[in-house]
Amino acid sequence: MTSAPLLDATRSTIEPTRKDAILRDVRAWRLARVQEQLRKHNVPAILLYDPVNIRYATDTSNMQVWAGRNPARYVMVFADGHVVAWEFHSSEHVWDGLDLDVELRGALSWTFFNAGHEAERRAQVWGAEIVDVLRQHAPGEHVLAVDRLDPFGAAYLEKHGISLLDGQALMETARLIKSSSELVLIGESLRTCEASIGRMKRELRPGMTENDLWAYLHYENIRHGGEWIETRLLASGDRTNPWMHECSSRVLQKGDLLVFDTDMVGPNGYCSDISRTWLVGDGRPSDEQRKLYEYAFAQVHFNMELLQPGMTFREFSEKAWKIPEPFVKNRYCCLAHGIGMVDEYPSIAHQVDWDSAGYDGRFEVGMTVCIESYIGAEGGTQGVKLEQQVVLIENGCASLTGCAFETDWL
C-alpha cells in the first residue's frame, strides 16, 4: 500500500461500473477478515447482533439505528465463510444481489417489546435453533463468539454446553485494517461530509439557531446517499465550554464561536468524523478565541506528525502534545480513536488517564484514525474543538479530508 495512489483513490469520484467492482472487493475483504479472526482464535463461528458488525461482514443494512436498540435480526458467520442469517419480518430482499454463501431464515425476537412475559420461553426456542445450526455446520464444536446477547439467550446457550467468547473484540480487530477499496468508500463518505460542512458554512449567520444550522448537515448527508448522524454535538457561545453540549434552540450571536463534531455515517455505511470551529458573523476572532484555536490546531498537527506505524499506543500517549495546565481538566476524552463504519478500536488515552483508561497496542499501516483536540479552560466561557481523520501510511499518516482549518486565525 503506497501513499500517493491510496490518497488519490480516496479523493476521486466513483463511476457506477467501478463502484460495483469496489463493493465486490470490499465485501470479500471484510468477510475474509472476519474468517481470519475466527481461525486465529480457533473459534468455529460468531453470532452477530450489532448492526454495524452485520454490515461489515455481509454488507446488508436494515433499519440500522432501530436495529441497534431492537435485536430483531442476527447473523452467524462460520470460519469457512458460510453465513446463516435470520432476517427481520418480510425483509429477505435486503440480501438481493449479494454474491454470498448465505442460508436465510426468519428471525425470532424475544425482547420484552416483542415477547412480553413470554421472553424467556421464546429465548429457549431461539437458543435451540442456534445450538442446532452451530452443531450442523461445525459438528463437535462447543464454542461460539457473540458480539452482544441478552441474559436469557446467554443462559440458554451456556446451559446447553456452549462456551461464549467475546465476539466484539474479534470484530473490532477484524475491522482495524482498511483495504485500498475500503478507503475509496471512506473517501466517498468524506466527500459527502465535506459538502455538508460547506453547506453549513454558507448558511451560517447570526440570528439562526443551532438546530437550524445542524439541519443542513443532515440534509446534505441524506441527499448524497448518507445514512445517519450518531450525535448532536454542535454548540455556540458559552455552550462551547465545556464540550459535549448537544445542539439546541440557542440563537447564534455575532462573535460567537461555533463548534461541531460531525459523527456522520455517510454513503456505504462509513463514518466521517470531523470537528471544526468557526466564528459567527463577519469580523475577526478575539485574541482569546485565536489563542484557544492556536492551541487546538497545534495539538492536532503535532500529534499527526508524531503518529507512525509501529509506534505503540503507550508511546504515542507519552510523546503526545502536552496540554497546558489551564486546559487539562476539560481535555477531550481521548487523544485519538479508530474510525471506520463508526468510532472503532483503538481509543488512545491521555497520559494523565493512562492508569485508569489506557491499554496498549500498536499502530499499523492501513488503520484509519481520528486525531482529537478540545481546548477550553476550566471555568472558561469558550472552547475550541478540532478533529482530523487520517490513514496510517508507511512513513506516518496522511489526512483523508481537505476540510479547511481557520489558518488565518493563527
Protein backbone atom coordinates (compact mmCIF):
# COMPACT_ATOMS: atom_id res chain seq x y z
CA MET A 1 0.00 0.00 0.00
CA THR A 2 1.63 3.27 -1.09
CA SER A 3 0.53 6.71 -0.05
CA ALA A 4 0.07 8.59 -3.35
CA PRO A 5 -2.20 6.11 -5.20
CA LEU A 6 -4.05 5.39 -1.95
CA LEU A 7 -4.86 9.04 -1.32
CA ASP A 8 -5.69 9.71 -4.96
CA ALA A 9 -8.19 6.85 -4.82
CA THR A 10 -9.95 8.30 -1.76
CA ARG A 11 -10.45 11.68 -3.47
CA SER A 12 -11.71 10.64 -6.89
CA THR A 13 -15.34 10.34 -8.00
CA ILE A 14 -16.51 6.73 -8.21
CA GLU A 15 -18.08 5.78 -11.53
CA PRO A 16 -21.06 3.38 -11.23
CA THR A 17 -19.34 0.49 -13.04
CA ARG A 18 -16.23 0.94 -10.89
CA LYS A 19 -18.37 1.16 -7.77
CA ASP A 20 -19.74 -2.35 -8.36
CA ALA A 21 -16.22 -3.78 -8.58
CA ILE A 22 -15.12 -1.86 -5.48
CA LEU A 23 -18.08 -3.16 -3.50
CA ARG A 24 -17.32 -6.75 -4.54
CA ASP A 25 -13.71 -6.30 -3.42
CA VAL A 26 -14.74 -4.75 -0.11
CA ARG A 27 -17.28 -7.46 0.68
CA ALA A 28 -14.75 -10.20 0.02
CA TRP A 29 -12.06 -8.41 2.05
CA ARG A 30 -14.29 -7.82 5.06
CA LEU A 31 -15.67 -11.36 5.21
CA ALA A 32 -12.14 -12.72 4.89
CA ARG A 33 -11.03 -10.51 7.79
CA VAL A 34 -13.78 -11.99 9.97
CA GLN A 35 -12.84 -15.53 8.95
CA GLU A 36 -9.19 -14.80 9.69
CA GLN A 37 -10.02 -13.76 13.26
CA LEU A 38 -12.16 -16.85 13.80
CA ARG A 39 -9.40 -19.17 12.60
CA LYS A 40 -6.74 -17.29 14.57
CA HIS A 41 -8.67 -17.80 17.80
CA ASN A 42 -9.86 -21.34 16.97
CA VAL A 43 -13.49 -20.28 17.04
CA PRO A 44 -15.85 -22.08 14.63
CA ALA A 45 -18.39 -19.26 14.31
CA ILE A 46 -19.51 -15.85 15.50
CA LEU A 47 -23.07 -14.73 16.19
CA LEU A 48 -23.63 -11.06 15.30
CA TYR A 49 -26.39 -8.76 16.54
CA ASP A 50 -24.66 -5.38 16.30
CA PRO A 51 -25.97 -3.90 13.01
CA VAL A 52 -22.56 -2.39 12.24
CA ASN A 53 -20.89 -5.79 12.60
CA ILE A 54 -23.57 -7.38 10.41
CA ARG A 55 -22.99 -4.66 7.81
CA TYR A 56 -19.24 -5.22 7.93
CA ALA A 57 -19.49 -8.99 7.49
CA THR A 58 -22.34 -9.14 4.96
CA ASP A 59 -22.91 -5.61 3.59
CA THR A 60 -26.59 -5.83 4.46
CA SER A 61 -28.44 -2.97 6.11
CA ASN A 62 -31.90 -2.96 7.62
CA MET A 63 -33.07 -0.12 9.87
CA GLN A 64 -29.59 0.30 11.34
CA VAL A 65 -30.39 2.72 14.15
CA TRP A 66 -33.61 0.93 15.14
CA ALA A 67 -31.88 -2.45 14.98
CA GLY A 68 -29.19 -1.12 17.29
CA ARG A 69 -31.83 -0.86 20.04
CA ASN A 70 -34.03 -3.76 18.97
CA PRO A 71 -32.21 -7.07 18.39
CA ALA A 72 -34.52 -8.16 15.58
CA ARG A 73 -32.04 -9.62 13.06
CA TYR A 74 -28.90 -11.68 13.58
CA VAL A 75 -26.24 -13.49 11.58
CA MET A 76 -23.88 -16.40 12.22
CA VAL A 77 -20.63 -16.38 10.26
CA PHE A 78 -18.56 -19.56 10.19
CA ALA A 79 -14.80 -19.77 9.85
CA ASP A 80 -15.24 -21.35 6.41
CA GLY A 81 -17.21 -18.31 5.23
CA HIS A 82 -20.67 -19.86 5.32
CA VAL A 83 -23.31 -17.46 6.61
CA VAL A 84 -26.65 -18.20 8.25
CA ALA A 85 -28.82 -15.09 8.51
CA TRP A 86 -32.01 -14.65 10.50
CA GLU A 87 -33.69 -11.66 8.85
CA PHE A 88 -36.40 -9.38 10.19
CA HIS A 89 -40.02 -9.95 9.16
CA SER A 90 -40.51 -9.91 5.36
CA SER A 91 -37.11 -8.32 4.77
CA GLU A 92 -35.28 -11.07 2.89
CA HIS A 93 -34.96 -8.67 -0.06
CA VAL A 94 -32.14 -6.78 1.70
CA TRP A 95 -29.92 -9.72 0.71
CA ASP A 96 -30.73 -9.45 -3.01
CA GLY A 97 -27.77 -9.01 -5.34
CA LEU A 98 -25.09 -10.21 -2.94
CA ASP A 99 -22.63 -12.86 -4.06
CA LEU A 100 -22.66 -14.56 -0.69
CA ASP A 101 -22.99 -18.14 0.53
CA VAL A 102 -25.95 -17.42 2.81
CA GLU A 103 -28.75 -19.51 4.27
CA LEU A 104 -31.72 -17.24 5.05
CA ARG A 105 -34.11 -17.89 7.92
CA GLY A 106 -36.75 -15.88 9.76
CA ALA A 107 -35.61 -14.06 12.90
CA LEU A 108 -37.15 -14.77 16.28
CA SER A 109 -37.15 -11.75 18.57
CA TRP A 110 -37.55 -12.36 22.30
CA THR A 111 -37.11 -8.92 23.79
CA PHE A 112 -39.81 -7.75 26.19
CA PHE A 113 -41.10 -5.39 23.49
CA ASN A 114 -41.72 -8.31 21.16
CA ALA A 115 -42.43 -11.13 23.59
CA GLY A 116 -43.65 -9.55 26.81
CA HIS A 117 -43.66 -12.09 29.63
CA GLU A 118 -43.06 -14.86 27.09
CA ALA A 119 -39.48 -13.64 26.56
CA GLU A 120 -37.75 -16.46 28.43
CA ARG A 121 -39.78 -19.16 26.69
CA ARG A 122 -39.13 -17.65 23.26
CA ALA A 123 -35.43 -17.36 24.09
CA GLN A 124 -35.43 -21.11 24.64
CA VAL A 125 -36.90 -21.67 21.15
CA TRP A 126 -34.30 -19.27 19.76
CA GLY A 127 -31.50 -20.98 21.62
CA ALA A 128 -32.44 -24.46 20.43
CA GLU A 129 -32.18 -23.27 16.83
CA ILE A 130 -28.82 -21.56 17.43
CA VAL A 131 -27.38 -24.72 19.00
CA ASP A 132 -28.74 -26.83 16.14
CA VAL A 133 -27.23 -24.57 13.45
CA LEU A 134 -23.85 -24.45 15.20
CA ARG A 135 -23.67 -28.22 15.53
CA GLN A 136 -24.94 -28.76 11.99
CA HIS A 137 -22.22 -26.63 10.40
CA ALA A 138 -19.48 -27.20 13.00
CA PRO A 139 -20.00 -30.73 14.35
CA GLY A 140 -18.37 -31.39 17.69
CA GLU A 141 -17.72 -27.70 18.40
CA HIS A 142 -18.95 -26.16 21.65
CA VAL A 143 -17.59 -22.62 21.34
CA LEU A 144 -19.37 -19.58 19.90
CA ALA A 145 -18.25 -15.96 19.73
CA VAL A 146 -21.05 -13.42 20.31
CA ASP A 147 -20.86 -9.64 19.96
CA ARG A 148 -23.88 -8.94 22.20
CA LEU A 149 -26.56 -11.08 23.78
CA ASP A 150 -29.30 -10.54 26.36
CA PRO A 151 -29.24 -12.65 29.57
CA PHE A 152 -31.91 -15.22 28.66
CA GLY A 153 -30.07 -16.14 25.47
CA ALA A 154 -26.66 -16.36 27.10
CA ALA A 155 -28.05 -18.50 29.91
CA TYR A 156 -29.69 -20.94 27.49
CA LEU A 157 -26.56 -21.43 25.36
CA GLU A 158 -24.30 -21.94 28.36
CA LYS A 159 -26.78 -24.36 29.94
CA HIS A 160 -26.64 -26.43 26.75
CA GLY A 161 -22.88 -26.69 26.68
CA ILE A 162 -21.90 -23.72 24.50
CA SER A 163 -18.96 -21.65 25.76
CA LEU A 164 -19.35 -18.00 24.81
CA LEU A 165 -16.44 -15.77 23.80
CA ASP A 166 -16.17 -12.00 23.32
CA GLY A 167 -17.13 -11.55 19.69
CA GLN A 168 -16.91 -7.76 19.82
CA ALA A 169 -13.15 -7.98 20.35
CA LEU A 170 -12.85 -10.24 17.29
CA MET A 171 -14.93 -7.90 15.15
CA GLU A 172 -13.12 -4.74 16.26
CA THR A 173 -9.82 -6.41 15.40
CA ALA A 174 -11.14 -7.54 12.02
CA ARG A 175 -12.34 -4.01 11.24
CA LEU A 176 -9.00 -2.45 12.24
CA ILE A 177 -7.16 -2.51 8.87
CA LYS A 178 -8.79 -0.97 5.81
CA SER A 179 -8.20 -2.24 2.29
CA SER A 180 -7.48 0.16 -0.57
CA SER A 181 -11.04 -0.40 -1.82
CA GLU A 182 -12.46 0.37 1.62
CA LEU A 183 -10.54 3.63 1.60
CA VAL A 184 -12.24 4.57 -1.67
CA LEU A 185 -15.63 4.12 0.01
CA ILE A 186 -14.43 6.06 3.06
CA GLY A 187 -13.38 8.80 0.66
CA GLU A 188 -16.88 8.92 -0.83
CA SER A 189 -18.34 9.35 2.65
CA LEU A 190 -15.85 12.10 3.43
CA ARG A 191 -16.65 13.99 0.22
CA THR A 192 -20.30 13.92 1.28
CA CYS A 193 -19.33 15.20 4.71
CA GLU A 194 -17.25 17.99 3.21
CA ALA A 195 -20.19 19.03 1.03
CA SER A 196 -22.40 19.04 4.13
CA ILE A 197 -19.91 21.14 6.09
CA GLY A 198 -19.60 23.50 3.14
CA ARG A 199 -23.36 23.99 3.13
CA MET A 200 -23.32 24.69 6.86
CA LYS A 201 -20.65 27.34 6.44
CA ARG A 202 -22.52 29.04 3.58
CA GLU A 203 -25.71 29.16 5.64
CA LEU A 204 -24.10 30.24 8.93
CA ARG A 205 -25.32 33.65 10.11
CA PRO A 206 -26.29 35.45 13.32
CA GLY A 207 -29.94 35.04 14.25
CA MET A 208 -30.37 31.40 13.25
CA THR A 209 -30.50 28.68 15.88
CA GLU A 210 -28.02 25.89 16.43
CA ASN A 211 -30.71 23.46 15.29
CA ASP A 212 -31.24 25.46 12.09
CA LEU A 213 -27.58 25.08 11.19
CA TRP A 214 -27.30 21.43 12.26
CA ALA A 215 -30.20 20.52 9.97
CA TYR A 216 -28.07 21.31 6.91
CA LEU A 217 -25.57 18.59 7.86
CA HIS A 218 -28.38 16.03 7.98
CA TYR A 219 -29.98 17.34 4.79
CA GLU A 220 -26.84 17.15 2.69
CA ASN A 221 -25.87 13.76 4.10
CA ILE A 222 -29.22 12.19 3.21
CA ARG A 223 -29.33 13.98 -0.16
CA HIS A 224 -25.97 12.43 -1.10
CA GLY A 225 -26.93 8.90 -0.03
CA GLY A 226 -25.71 9.05 3.56
CA GLU A 227 -27.38 7.20 6.40
CA TRP A 228 -27.47 8.79 9.86
CA ILE A 229 -25.61 11.02 12.31
CA GLU A 230 -24.62 9.46 15.62
CA THR A 231 -24.59 12.54 17.88
CA ARG A 232 -25.90 16.12 18.16
CA LEU A 233 -22.60 17.77 19.03
CA LEU A 234 -22.90 21.39 17.91
CA ALA A 235 -22.64 24.29 20.33
CA SER A 236 -22.12 28.04 20.28
CA GLY A 237 -21.09 30.87 22.59
CA ASP A 238 -20.75 29.91 26.24
CA ARG A 239 -22.10 26.42 25.42
CA THR A 240 -18.74 25.64 23.78
CA ASN A 241 -17.18 25.21 27.25
CA PRO A 242 -17.21 22.54 28.48
CA TRP A 243 -17.52 20.35 25.41
CA MET A 244 -20.35 17.81 24.86
CA HIS A 245 -23.29 20.22 24.83
CA GLU A 246 -25.88 18.92 22.39
CA CYS A 247 -27.37 21.05 19.64
CA SER A 248 -30.16 23.34 20.89
CA SER A 249 -32.52 26.17 20.02
CA ARG A 250 -29.96 28.76 21.16
CA VAL A 251 -29.80 31.71 18.75
CA LEU A 252 -26.36 32.35 17.28
CA GLN A 253 -24.87 35.74 18.09
CA LYS A 254 -22.29 37.67 16.12
CA GLY A 255 -18.84 36.98 17.53
CA ASP A 256 -19.76 33.58 18.99
CA LEU A 257 -17.54 30.59 18.48
CA LEU A 258 -19.46 27.80 16.73
CA VAL A 259 -18.14 24.29 17.34
CA PHE A 260 -19.31 20.95 15.93
CA ASP A 261 -18.40 17.29 15.51
CA THR A 262 -19.97 15.55 12.50
CA ASP A 263 -20.05 11.87 13.63
CA MET A 264 -21.73 11.31 10.26
CA VAL A 265 -22.40 7.85 8.84
CA GLY A 266 -22.40 8.64 5.15
CA PRO A 267 -22.71 6.63 1.93
CA ASN A 268 -21.78 2.93 2.09
CA GLY A 269 -22.12 2.95 5.88
CA TYR A 270 -18.74 4.58 6.58
CA CYS A 271 -18.32 7.28 9.20
CA SER A 272 -16.88 10.73 8.57
CA ASP A 273 -15.76 12.23 11.87
CA ILE A 274 -14.60 15.83 11.52
CA SER A 275 -14.64 18.66 14.07
CA ARG A 276 -14.23 22.32 13.22
CA THR A 277 -14.63 25.65 14.99
CA TRP A 278 -15.89 28.80 13.25
CA LEU A 279 -16.77 32.39 14.11
CA VAL A 280 -20.38 33.50 13.76
CA GLY A 281 -20.73 36.60 11.58
CA ASP A 282 -18.17 38.79 9.90
CA GLY A 283 -15.10 40.12 11.61
CA ARG A 284 -12.06 38.76 13.36
CA PRO A 285 -11.98 36.46 16.38
CA SER A 286 -10.87 37.94 19.66
CA ASP A 287 -7.36 37.40 21.00
CA GLU A 288 -8.71 34.79 23.43
CA GLN A 289 -10.53 32.92 20.65
CA ARG A 290 -7.44 32.94 18.46
CA LYS A 291 -5.25 31.66 21.30
CA LEU A 292 -7.64 28.78 22.03
CA TYR A 293 -7.68 27.92 18.34
CA GLU A 294 -3.88 28.10 18.13
CA TYR A 295 -3.53 25.56 20.93
CA ALA A 296 -6.08 23.14 19.43
CA PHE A 297 -4.53 23.41 15.98
CA ALA A 298 -1.09 22.76 17.47
CA GLN A 299 -2.31 19.69 19.35
CA VAL A 300 -3.91 18.08 16.28
CA HIS A 301 -0.98 18.75 13.95
CA PHE A 302 1.76 17.88 16.45
CA ASN A 303 0.09 14.54 17.10
CA MET A 304 -0.40 13.92 13.37
CA GLU A 305 3.32 14.46 12.84
CA LEU A 306 4.07 12.13 15.75
CA LEU A 307 1.92 9.24 14.54
CA GLN A 308 3.87 6.39 12.90
CA PRO A 309 3.14 2.75 12.07
CA GLY A 310 4.94 0.50 14.55
CA MET A 311 4.51 3.01 17.38
CA THR A 312 2.75 1.63 20.45
CA PHE A 313 -0.34 3.29 21.87
CA ARG A 314 1.54 3.94 25.11
CA GLU A 315 4.45 5.59 23.29
CA PHE A 316 2.06 7.84 21.37
CA SER A 317 0.36 8.84 24.61
CA GLU A 318 3.68 9.57 26.33
CA LYS A 319 5.04 11.68 23.45
CA ALA A 320 1.81 13.48 22.54
CA TRP A 321 1.47 17.27 22.66
CA LYS A 322 1.42 18.47 26.25
CA ILE A 323 -1.81 20.25 27.10
CA PRO A 324 -1.19 23.49 29.00
CA GLU A 325 -2.34 23.20 32.61
CA PRO A 326 -5.38 25.54 32.38
CA PHE A 327 -6.94 23.20 29.81
CA VAL A 328 -6.14 19.77 31.31
CA LYS A 329 -9.34 19.47 33.35
CA ASN A 330 -11.56 19.93 30.26
CA ARG A 331 -9.42 17.82 27.92
CA TYR A 332 -11.14 15.65 25.31
CA CYS A 333 -11.86 12.07 26.44
CA CYS A 334 -9.07 10.61 24.25
CA LEU A 335 -6.10 11.67 22.15
CA ALA A 336 -7.19 9.65 19.13
CA HIS A 337 -9.53 6.83 18.18
CA GLY A 338 -10.05 4.42 15.34
CA ILE A 339 -12.69 5.14 12.71
CA GLY A 340 -14.41 3.00 10.10
CA MET A 341 -18.13 2.37 9.88
CA VAL A 342 -18.36 4.10 13.28
CA ASP A 343 -15.88 5.00 16.02
CA GLU A 344 -13.76 1.90 16.42
CA TYR A 345 -10.84 0.38 18.32
CA PRO A 346 -8.47 1.74 19.48
CA SER A 347 -9.16 4.62 21.85
CA ILE A 348 -5.87 6.22 22.94
CA ALA A 349 -5.89 7.63 26.46
CA HIS A 350 -4.11 10.78 27.55
CA GLN A 351 -1.02 10.10 29.64
CA VAL A 352 -2.75 11.54 32.70
CA ASP A 353 -5.51 8.96 32.21
CA TRP A 354 -3.30 6.01 31.29
CA ASP A 355 -3.51 4.10 34.57
CA SER A 356 -7.31 4.26 34.64
CA ALA A 357 -8.21 4.15 30.91
CA GLY A 358 -5.14 3.25 28.85
CA TYR A 359 -4.33 0.00 27.08
CA ASP A 360 -1.50 -0.85 24.76
CA GLY A 361 -1.34 -1.99 21.18
CA ARG A 362 0.46 -0.95 18.02
CA PHE A 363 -0.39 1.32 15.11
CA GLU A 364 -0.31 -0.37 11.70
CA VAL A 365 -0.38 0.70 8.07
CA GLY A 366 -3.97 0.77 6.85
CA MET A 367 -5.53 1.91 10.13
CA THR A 368 -7.79 4.94 9.91
CA VAL A 369 -7.68 7.20 12.94
CA CYS A 370 -9.17 10.46 14.19
CA ILE A 371 -6.80 12.87 15.94
CA GLU A 372 -8.68 14.85 18.59
CA SER A 373 -8.37 18.15 20.44
CA TYR A 374 -10.56 20.17 22.74
CA ILE A 375 -9.14 23.31 24.32
CA GLY A 376 -11.25 25.14 26.88
CA ALA A 377 -10.13 26.41 30.26
CA GLU A 378 -11.75 25.15 33.44
CA GLY A 379 -14.30 27.81 34.36
CA GLY A 380 -13.91 29.44 30.95
CA THR A 381 -16.69 30.63 28.67
CA GLN A 382 -15.35 29.45 25.30
CA GLY A 383 -13.69 26.40 23.81
CA VAL A 384 -12.33 25.08 20.52
CA LYS A 385 -12.85 21.53 19.20
CA LEU A 386 -10.84 20.20 16.23
CA GLU A 387 -10.58 16.69 14.82
CA GLN A 388 -8.87 15.33 11.73
CA GLN A 389 -9.39 11.94 10.06
CA VAL A 390 -6.19 10.27 8.82
CA VAL A 391 -4.87 6.99 7.44
CA LEU A 392 -1.63 5.32 8.56
CA ILE A 393 0.84 5.00 5.66
CA GLU A 394 4.41 3.66 5.54
CA ASN A 395 6.10 6.81 6.79
CA GLY A 396 3.46 8.34 9.04
CA CYS A 397 -0.12 9.37 8.45
CA ALA A 398 -1.98 11.33 5.80
CA SER A 399 -5.14 13.39 6.07
CA LEU A 400 -8.18 11.87 4.43
CA THR A 401 -10.04 15.18 4.29
CA GLY A 402 -9.23 18.55 2.80
CA CYS A 403 -11.79 20.31 5.01
CA ALA A 404 -10.14 23.64 5.78
CA PHE A 405 -8.93 24.90 9.12
CA GLU A 406 -9.11 28.59 10.05
CA THR A 407 -5.40 29.10 9.41
CA ASP A 408 -5.82 32.88 9.14
CA TRP A 409 -6.56 32.87 12.88
CA LEU A 410 -3.07 31.59 13.67
